[in-house]
Amino acid sequence: MIRNAVKDDSLAIAEIYNYYIENTATSFEEKSVSGTDIQGRTESVQGAGLPWIVAMEDGALVGYAYATKWKERSAYRFAVEVSVYLSNHIQGRGLGTTLYETIFSKLKEAGVQTVIGGITLPNPASVALHEKMGMKKVAHFEKVGFKFDHWHDVGYWQLNWKT
């Protein structure tokens, strides 16, 4: 089941995200986040009129996706950056696709024109997901993130809907 995130989801979202913070370069955050941190982020996203959704299985939150403003200036108001995170125990089952399909539908209905996804490289699974959604690679920044004593590249994928 996919639904909008609510306040009570914050701790479970933080637990999923903290796995990536602590164990991967997928996120360039280096310190774990609390449920309170996530609650503030969720409220900020939803307060801006953008979606933050979660996936539930057997009563447990197993993944989430959200969109944030691409930039603050008003001319960017039709562009968003999207992110999706899954519990590390359930990857490879198509749940990322389901979350993205749902969030993309919500964004399209809201009049968003451009969707952007940033990926720490290499990350074949994330690249495959973004390309499955019709996104195309538009940028590659070399050695822009330093985590776990290594430099990491970041690529950006983009999708524009025709209006």
Protein backbone atom coordinates (compact mmCIF):
# COMPACT_ATOMS: atom_id res chain seq x y z
CA MET A 1 0.00 0.00 0.00
CA ILE A 2 1.25 3.47 -0.90
CA ARG A 3 0.01 6.48 1.09
CA ASN A 4 1.00 9.98 2.11
CA ALA A 5 3.52 10.17 4.95
CA VAL A 6 2.19 11.16 8.37
CA LYS A 7 3.90 12.32 11.56
CA ASP A 8 3.95 8.81 13.04
CA ASP A 9 6.09 7.59 10.10
CA SER A 10 9.07 9.75 11.02
CA LEU A 11 10.98 7.23 13.13
CA ALA A 12 10.61 4.41 10.59
CA ILE A 13 11.70 6.73 7.77
CA ALA A 14 14.74 7.78 9.83
CA GLU A 15 15.66 4.12 10.41
CA ILE A 16 15.57 3.37 6.68
CA TYR A 17 17.52 6.50 5.80
CA ASN A 18 20.11 6.01 8.54
CA TYR A 19 21.14 2.71 6.98
CA TYR A 20 22.17 4.63 3.84
CA ILE A 21 23.86 7.39 5.84
CA GLU A 22 25.88 4.95 7.93
CA ASN A 23 26.70 2.30 5.32
CA THR A 24 26.71 3.82 1.84
CA ALA A 25 27.64 6.89 -0.16
CA THR A 26 24.11 7.01 -1.56
CA SER A 27 23.47 9.93 0.77
CA PHE A 28 26.18 12.47 1.43
CA GLU A 29 24.88 13.09 4.93
CA GLU A 30 27.42 11.81 7.43
CA LYS A 31 25.51 11.94 10.70
CA SER A 32 22.42 9.89 11.52
CA VAL A 33 19.08 11.68 11.63
CA SER A 34 16.35 11.43 14.24
CA GLY A 35 12.65 10.98 13.82
CA THR A 36 12.29 14.64 14.78
CA ASP A 37 14.66 15.63 11.96
CA ILE A 38 12.60 13.63 9.47
CA GLN A 39 9.35 15.03 10.81
CA GLY A 40 10.61 18.55 10.13
CA ARG A 41 11.71 17.61 6.64
CA THR A 42 8.41 15.91 5.86
CA GLU A 43 6.42 18.90 7.11
CA SER A 44 8.59 21.24 5.02
CA VAL A 45 8.06 19.19 1.84
CA GLN A 46 4.33 18.76 2.36
CA GLY A 47 3.99 22.40 3.45
CA ALA A 48 5.44 23.41 0.06
CA GLY A 49 2.66 21.43 -1.62
CA LEU A 50 4.95 18.58 -2.67
CA PRO A 51 4.44 14.86 -2.03
CA TRP A 52 6.17 12.66 0.52
CA ILE A 53 4.80 9.13 0.28
CA VAL A 54 5.50 5.83 2.02
CA ALA A 55 5.12 2.16 1.13
CA MET A 56 3.62 -0.19 3.68
CA GLU A 57 3.81 -3.99 3.80
CA ASP A 58 2.21 -6.04 6.57
CA GLY A 59 1.85 -2.91 8.71
CA ALA A 60 5.54 -1.95 8.39
CA LEU A 61 6.93 1.04 6.54
CA VAL A 62 9.36 -0.38 3.97
CA GLY A 63 10.15 2.56 1.70
CA TYR A 64 9.47 6.16 0.89
CA ALA A 65 9.80 8.75 -1.85
CA TYR A 66 9.53 12.51 -1.88
CA ALA A 67 10.03 15.58 -4.03
CA THR A 68 11.72 18.82 -3.08
CA LYS A 69 12.01 22.14 -4.83
CA TRP A 70 14.87 22.10 -7.33
CA LYS A 71 15.87 25.64 -6.41
CA GLU A 72 14.27 28.41 -4.37
CA ARG A 73 13.90 31.06 -7.09
CA SER A 74 10.37 31.31 -8.48
CA ALA A 75 11.36 30.56 -12.08
CA TYR A 76 12.24 27.02 -10.92
CA ARG A 77 8.76 26.40 -9.49
CA PHE A 78 7.92 23.75 -12.13
CA ALA A 79 11.03 21.66 -11.39
CA VAL A 80 11.59 19.23 -8.51
CA GLU A 81 14.22 16.79 -7.32
CA VAL A 82 12.97 13.33 -6.39
CA SER A 83 14.41 10.73 -4.04
CA VAL A 84 13.42 7.18 -3.16
CA TYR A 85 14.72 4.96 -0.36
CA LEU A 86 13.84 1.37 0.46
CA SER A 87 14.51 -0.79 3.46
CA ASN A 88 17.76 -2.57 2.68
CA HIS A 89 15.95 -5.91 3.14
CA ILE A 90 13.47 -5.50 0.29
CA GLN A 91 15.41 -4.10 -2.65
CA GLY A 92 15.00 -5.57 -6.11
CA ARG A 93 11.27 -6.31 -5.89
CA GLY A 94 9.94 -3.35 -7.89
CA LEU A 95 8.88 -1.24 -4.92
CA GLY A 96 11.08 1.67 -6.01
CA THR A 97 9.27 1.67 -9.35
CA THR A 98 5.88 1.65 -7.62
CA LEU A 99 6.86 4.56 -5.37
CA TYR A 100 8.21 6.55 -8.32
CA GLU A 101 5.15 5.82 -10.46
CA THR A 102 2.94 7.13 -7.66
CA ILE A 103 4.99 10.23 -6.94
CA PHE A 104 5.44 11.02 -10.66
CA SER A 105 1.68 10.83 -11.11
CA LYS A 106 1.14 13.24 -8.22
CA LEU A 107 3.75 15.63 -9.58
CA LYS A 108 2.29 15.58 -13.08
CA GLU A 109 -1.19 16.31 -11.68
CA ALA A 110 0.29 19.23 -9.71
CA GLY A 111 1.67 20.81 -12.87
CA VAL A 112 5.34 19.96 -12.36
CA GLN A 113 7.18 20.07 -15.69
CA THR A 114 10.65 18.73 -14.82
CA VAL A 115 11.75 15.93 -12.50
CA ILE A 116 15.43 15.59 -11.57
CA GLY A 117 17.17 12.77 -9.75
CA GLY A 118 20.71 12.88 -8.38
CA ILE A 119 22.65 9.62 -8.07
CA THR A 120 25.97 8.93 -6.39
CA LEU A 121 27.98 6.96 -8.94
CA PRO A 122 28.49 4.15 -9.53
CA ASN A 123 25.01 2.88 -8.65
CA PRO A 124 23.67 0.60 -11.41
CA ALA A 125 20.39 -0.18 -9.62
CA SER A 126 19.49 3.48 -9.15
CA VAL A 127 20.52 4.35 -12.70
CA ALA A 128 18.32 1.51 -13.99
CA LEU A 129 15.35 2.73 -11.92
CA HIS A 130 15.64 6.31 -13.13
CA GLU A 131 16.03 5.24 -16.75
CA LYS A 132 13.09 2.84 -16.41
CA MET A 133 11.04 5.90 -15.45
CA GLY A 134 12.04 7.59 -18.71
CA MET A 135 14.71 9.83 -17.20
CA LYS A 136 17.85 10.63 -19.18
CA LYS A 137 21.33 11.41 -17.88
CA VAL A 138 21.99 15.14 -18.28
CA ALA A 139 25.02 15.80 -16.05
CA HIS A 140 28.00 14.13 -14.43
CA PHE A 141 29.99 15.88 -11.73
CA GLU A 142 33.30 14.30 -10.82
CA LYS A 143 34.54 13.99 -7.24
CA VAL A 144 31.99 16.34 -5.67
CA GLY A 145 31.24 14.31 -2.55
CA PHE A 146 33.80 13.08 -0.02
CA LYS A 147 32.57 10.30 2.25
CA PHE A 148 34.23 7.25 3.82
CA ASP A 149 37.66 8.62 2.82
CA HIS A 150 36.80 8.51 -0.90
CA TRP A 151 35.71 10.99 -3.54
CA HIS A 152 32.40 10.23 -5.24
CA ASP A 153 30.89 11.34 -8.53
CA VAL A 154 27.26 12.42 -8.89
CA GLY A 155 25.13 12.11 -11.99
CA TYR A 156 21.82 13.84 -12.67
CA TRP A 157 18.91 12.32 -14.54
CA GLN A 158 16.02 14.39 -15.82
CA LEU A 159 12.51 13.91 -17.20
CA ASN A 160 10.43 16.64 -18.81
CA TRP A 161 6.74 16.21 -19.40
CA LYS A 162 5.33 17.85 -22.48
CA THR A 163 2.70 20.50 -21.72
